[in-house]
C-alpha atoms as a PDB file:
ATOM      1  CA  MET A   1    -115.003  47.991  -4.977  1.00  0.00           C
ATOM      2  CA  ASN A   2    -114.599  51.924  -5.264  1.00  0.00           C
ATOM      3  CA  ASN A   3    -114.944  54.598  -7.942  1.00  0.00           C
ATOM      4  CA  LYS A   4    -111.493  54.931  -8.759  1.00  0.00           C
ATOM      5  CA  ALA A   5    -110.341  51.245  -9.009  1.00  0.00           C
ATOM      6  CA  ILE A   6    -113.162  51.191 -11.690  1.00  0.00           C
ATOM      7  CA  ALA A   7    -112.387  53.812 -13.589  1.00  0.00           C
ATOM      8  CA  LEU A   8    -108.485  52.939 -13.390  1.00  0.00           C
ATOM      9  CA  ALA A   9    -109.816  49.136 -15.048  1.00  0.00           C
ATOM     10  CA  VAL A  10    -111.786  51.140 -17.867  1.00  0.00           C
ATOM     11  CA  VAL A  11    -108.592  53.340 -18.424  1.00  0.00           C
ATOM     12  CA  ILE A  12    -106.291  49.553 -18.652  1.00  0.00           C
ATOM     13  CA  ILE A  13    -109.101  47.936 -20.873  1.00  0.00           C
ATOM     14  CA  ASN A  14    -109.084  50.515 -22.694  1.00  0.00           C
ATOM     15  CA  THR A  15    -105.795  51.459 -23.629  1.00  0.00           C
ATOM     16  CA  PHE A  16    -105.169  47.279 -24.666  1.00  0.00           C
ATOM     17  CA  ALA A  17    -108.181  46.832 -26.203  1.00  0.00           C
ATOM     18  CA  THR A  18    -107.452  49.431 -29.206  1.00  0.00           C
ATOM     19  CA  GLY A  19    -106.806  46.444 -31.235  1.00  0.00           C
ATOM     20  CA  ALA A  20    -110.100  45.249 -30.779  1.00  0.00           C
ATOM     21  CA  THR A  21    -111.890  47.634 -33.574  1.00  0.00           C
ATOM     22  CA  ALA A  22    -112.789  47.345 -37.092  1.00  0.00           C
ATOM     23  CA  GLY A  23    -111.022  47.205 -39.613  1.00  0.00           C
ATOM     24  CA  SER A  24    -107.049  46.026 -40.878  1.00  0.00           C
ATOM     25  CA  LEU A  25    -105.472  44.169 -37.435  1.00  0.00           C
ATOM     26  CA  LEU A  26    -101.811  44.917 -37.264  1.00  0.00           C
ATOM     27  CA  SER A  27    -101.441  41.387 -35.465  1.00  0.00           C
ATOM     28  CA  PRO A  28    -104.099  38.344 -36.009  1.00  0.00           C
ATOM     29  CA  ALA A  29    -104.747  35.852 -33.875  1.00  0.00           C
ATOM     30  CA  TYR A  30    -103.099  32.245 -35.547  1.00  0.00           C
ATOM     31  CA  VAL A  31    -103.710  29.106 -33.141  1.00  0.00           C
ATOM     32  CA  GLN A  32    -102.182  25.769 -34.970  1.00  0.00           C
ATOM     33  CA  GLN A  33    -104.126  22.665 -33.189  1.00  0.00           C
ATOM     34  CA  ALA A  34    -102.242  19.942 -31.955  1.00  0.00           C
ATOM     35  CA  SER A  35    -103.540  16.791 -34.608  1.00  0.00           C
ATOM     36  CA  GLY A  36    -103.426  14.453 -31.488  1.00  0.00           C
ATOM     37  CA  SER A  37    -102.925  11.243 -34.128  1.00  0.00           C
ATOM     38  CA  GLY A  38     -99.956   8.857 -33.976  1.00  0.00           C
ATOM     39  CA  ALA A  39     -99.314  10.230 -38.187  1.00  0.00           C
ATOM     40  CA  SER A  40     -96.422  12.628 -37.493  1.00  0.00           C
ATOM     41  CA  ALA A  41     -93.543  11.026 -35.754  1.00  0.00           C
ATOM     42  CA  GLY A  42     -92.540  12.952 -33.395  1.00  0.00           C
ATOM     43  CA  ALA A  43     -95.621  14.950 -33.080  1.00  0.00           C
ATOM     44  CA  LEU A  44     -96.162  16.120 -29.092  1.00  0.00           C
ATOM     45  CA  ASP A  45    -100.245  15.578 -27.667  1.00  0.00           C
ATOM     46  CA  THR A  46    -101.798  19.382 -26.252  1.00  0.00           C
ATOM     47  CA  ALA A  47    -101.578  17.177 -22.856  1.00  0.00           C
ATOM     48  CA  ALA A  48     -97.671  16.833 -24.030  1.00  0.00           C
ATOM     49  CA  ILE A  49     -96.817  20.475 -25.303  1.00  0.00           C
ATOM     50  CA  PHE A  50     -98.723  21.757 -21.501  1.00  0.00           C
ATOM     51  CA  LYS A  51     -97.613  19.543 -19.062  1.00  0.00           C
ATOM     52  CA  PRO A  52     -95.057  22.236 -18.196  1.00  0.00           C
ATOM     53  CA  SER A  53     -96.833  24.865 -17.566  1.00  0.00           C
ATOM     54  CA  MET A  54     -99.503  22.882 -15.892  1.00  0.00           C
ATOM     55  CA  ASP A  55     -97.463  22.000 -13.633  1.00  0.00           C
ATOM     56  CA  ILE A  56     -96.477  25.511 -12.784  1.00  0.00           C
ATOM     57  CA  MET A  57     -98.948  26.665 -12.250  1.00  0.00           C
ATOM     58  CA  ALA A  58    -100.373  24.001 -10.417  1.00  0.00           C
ATOM     59  CA  ALA A  59     -97.651  24.629  -8.034  1.00  0.00           C
ATOM     60  CA  VAL A  60     -98.363  28.040  -6.884  1.00  0.00           C
ATOM     61  CA  PRO A  61     -99.918  28.660  -3.045  1.00  0.00           C
ATOM     62  CA  ARG A  62    -103.346  29.120  -3.748  1.00  0.00           C
ATOM     63  CA  VAL A  63    -104.664  32.829  -1.895  1.00  0.00           C
ATOM     64  CA  ASP A  64    -108.207  32.886  -0.174  1.00  0.00           C
ATOM     65  CA  THR A  65    -110.001  35.484  -1.057  1.00  0.00           C
ATOM     66  CA  SER A  66    -113.884  33.817  -0.734  1.00  0.00           C
ATOM     67  CA  ASN A  67    -114.596  36.436   2.038  1.00  0.00           C
ATOM     68  CA  LEU A  68    -113.672  39.388  -1.063  1.00  0.00           C
ATOM     69  CA  THR A  69    -115.336  41.444  -3.421  1.00  0.00           C
ATOM     70  CA  GLY A  70    -115.145  43.548  -5.669  1.00  0.00           C
ATOM     71  CA  ASN A  71    -111.020  43.160  -6.378  1.00  0.00           C
ATOM     72  CA  LEU A  72    -109.280  44.305  -9.581  1.00  0.00           C
ATOM     73  CA  SER A  73    -106.186  42.005 -10.429  1.00  0.00           C
ATOM     74  CA  PHE A  74    -103.224  43.153 -13.301  1.00  0.00           C
ATOM     75  CA  VAL A  75    -100.236  41.330 -13.724  1.00  0.00           C
ATOM     76  CA  TYR A  76     -97.785  42.638 -16.599  1.00  0.00           C
ATOM     77  CA  GLN A  77     -95.344  40.057 -17.860  1.00  0.00           C
ATOM     78  CA  SER A  78     -91.863  40.556 -21.108  1.00  0.00           C
ATOM     79  CA  GLY A  79     -90.622  38.213 -21.852  1.00  0.00           C
ATOM     80  CA  ASP A  80     -90.607  34.150 -22.804  1.00  0.00           C
ATOM     81  CA  PHE A  81     -92.029  30.941 -21.285  1.00  0.00           C
ATOM     82  CA  ASN A  82     -94.248  33.093 -18.685  1.00  0.00           C
ATOM     83  CA  THR A  83     -97.497  32.064 -16.674  1.00  0.00           C
ATOM     84  CA  ALA A  84     -99.770  34.030 -14.657  1.00  0.00           C
ATOM     85  CA  SER A  85    -103.013  33.398 -13.330  1.00  0.00           C
ATOM     86  CA  ILE A  86    -105.837  35.395 -11.459  1.00  0.00           C
ATOM     87  CA  GLU A  87    -108.962  32.936  -9.620  1.00  0.00           C
ATOM     88  CA  GLN A  88    -111.416  35.414  -8.542  1.00  0.00           C
ATOM     89  CA  THR A  89    -114.521  34.601  -6.142  1.00  0.00           C
ATOM     90  CA  GLY A  90    -117.115  37.052  -5.326  1.00  0.00           C
ATOM     91  CA  SER A  91    -118.819  39.728  -7.281  1.00  0.00           C
ATOM     92  CA  ARG A  92    -117.777  42.707  -9.156  1.00  0.00           C
ATOM     93  CA  ASN A  93    -113.789  41.257 -10.265  1.00  0.00           C
ATOM     94  CA  VAL A  94    -111.607  42.518 -13.118  1.00  0.00           C
ATOM     95  CA  GLY A  95    -109.208  40.284 -13.991  1.00  0.00           C
ATOM     96  CA  LEU A  96    -106.356  41.862 -16.628  1.00  0.00           C
ATOM     97  CA  ILE A  97    -103.134  40.338 -17.530  1.00  0.00           C
ATOM     98  CA  SER A  98    -100.903  41.611 -20.614  1.00  0.00           C
ATOM     99  CA  GLN A  99     -98.058  39.295 -21.380  1.00  0.00           C
ATOM    100  CA  ILE A 100     -95.231  40.002 -24.737  1.00  0.00           C
ATOM    101  CA  GLY A 101     -93.308  37.281 -25.726  1.00  0.00           C
ATOM    102  CA  TYR A 102     -92.740  33.716 -26.568  1.00  0.00           C
ATOM    103  CA  PHE A 103     -94.869  29.995 -24.947  1.00  0.00           C
ATOM    104  CA  ASN A 104     -96.529  32.350 -23.021  1.00  0.00           C
ATOM    105  CA  SER A 105     -99.477  31.096 -20.726  1.00  0.00           C
ATOM    106  CA  ALA A 106    -102.453  33.093 -19.030  1.00  0.00           C
ATOM    107  CA  THR A 107    -105.404  31.675 -16.915  1.00  0.00           C
ATOM    108  CA  ILE A 108    -108.385  33.779 -15.192  1.00  0.00           C
ATOM    109  CA  THR A 109    -110.991  31.735 -12.795  1.00  0.00           C
ATOM    110  CA  GLN A 110    -113.399  34.072 -11.988  1.00  0.00           C
ATOM    111  CA  THR A 111    -116.870  32.393  -9.537  1.00  0.00           C
ATOM    112  CA  GLY A 112    -119.505  34.533  -9.029  1.00  0.00           C
ATOM    113  CA  THR A 113    -121.602  37.032 -11.160  1.00  0.00           C
ATOM    114  CA  GLY A 114    -120.275  40.086 -12.614  1.00  0.00           C
ATOM    115  CA  HIS A 115    -116.578  39.776 -13.178  1.00  0.00           C
ATOM    116  CA  GLN A 116    -114.596  41.288 -16.214  1.00  0.00           C
ATOM    117  CA  ALA A 117    -111.716  39.696 -17.103  1.00  0.00           C
ATOM    118  CA  PHE A 118    -109.516  41.511 -20.201  1.00  0.00           C
ATOM    119  CA  VAL A 119    -105.651  38.856 -21.674  1.00  0.00           C
ATOM    120  CA  SER A 120    -103.594  40.727 -23.738  1.00  0.00           C
ATOM    121  CA  GLN A 121    -100.659  38.550 -25.592  1.00  0.00           C
ATOM    122  CA  GLN A 122     -97.930  39.370 -27.730  1.00  0.00           C
ATOM    123  CA  GLY A 123     -95.823  36.918 -30.110  1.00  0.00           C
ATOM    124  CA  ARG A 124     -95.884  33.482 -30.836  1.00  0.00           C
ATOM    125  CA  ASN A 125     -97.372  30.233 -29.832  1.00  0.00           C
ATOM    126  CA  ASN A 126     -99.153  31.864 -26.608  1.00  0.00           C
ATOM    127  CA  VAL A 127    -101.724  30.433 -24.408  1.00  0.00           C
ATOM    128  CA  ALA A 128    -104.454  31.999 -22.754  1.00  0.00           C
ATOM    129  CA  ILE A 129    -107.600  30.621 -21.212  1.00  0.00           C
ATOM    130  CA  ILE A 130    -110.137  32.729 -19.394  1.00  0.00           C
ATOM    131  CA  ARG A 131    -113.286  31.018 -17.111  1.00  0.00           C
ATOM    132  CA  GLN A 132    -116.288  32.525 -15.662  1.00  0.00           C
ATOM    133  CA  ARG A 133    -118.542  30.811 -13.892  1.00  0.00           C
END
């Protein structure tokens, strides 16, 4: 990865990471969990809630990037019910996702060494998953 790409990644991360400083947070995270029990009439389990998003993500064709190293990925979405997924293999990859809206889901999966991942979401009922191996 060249120095220009690294500098761009640092600028983007610093731009979105300003809410992570000490002090009062304007938008603290609130995670409402599905109970998983049948006690509540009409309650959905977690698998039923995420099935539409997972079906969309499964339908997206995969791109073979196994021979590439040092990739920078950035996804920006504004609106409701968006799904974003970044998959990176190799070394020194950077993945960034920014979403604004309701019911958005973001997934970053990185396999290898030296990866960096950042997800920024504004709105309600959003889901973010980061996997690094």
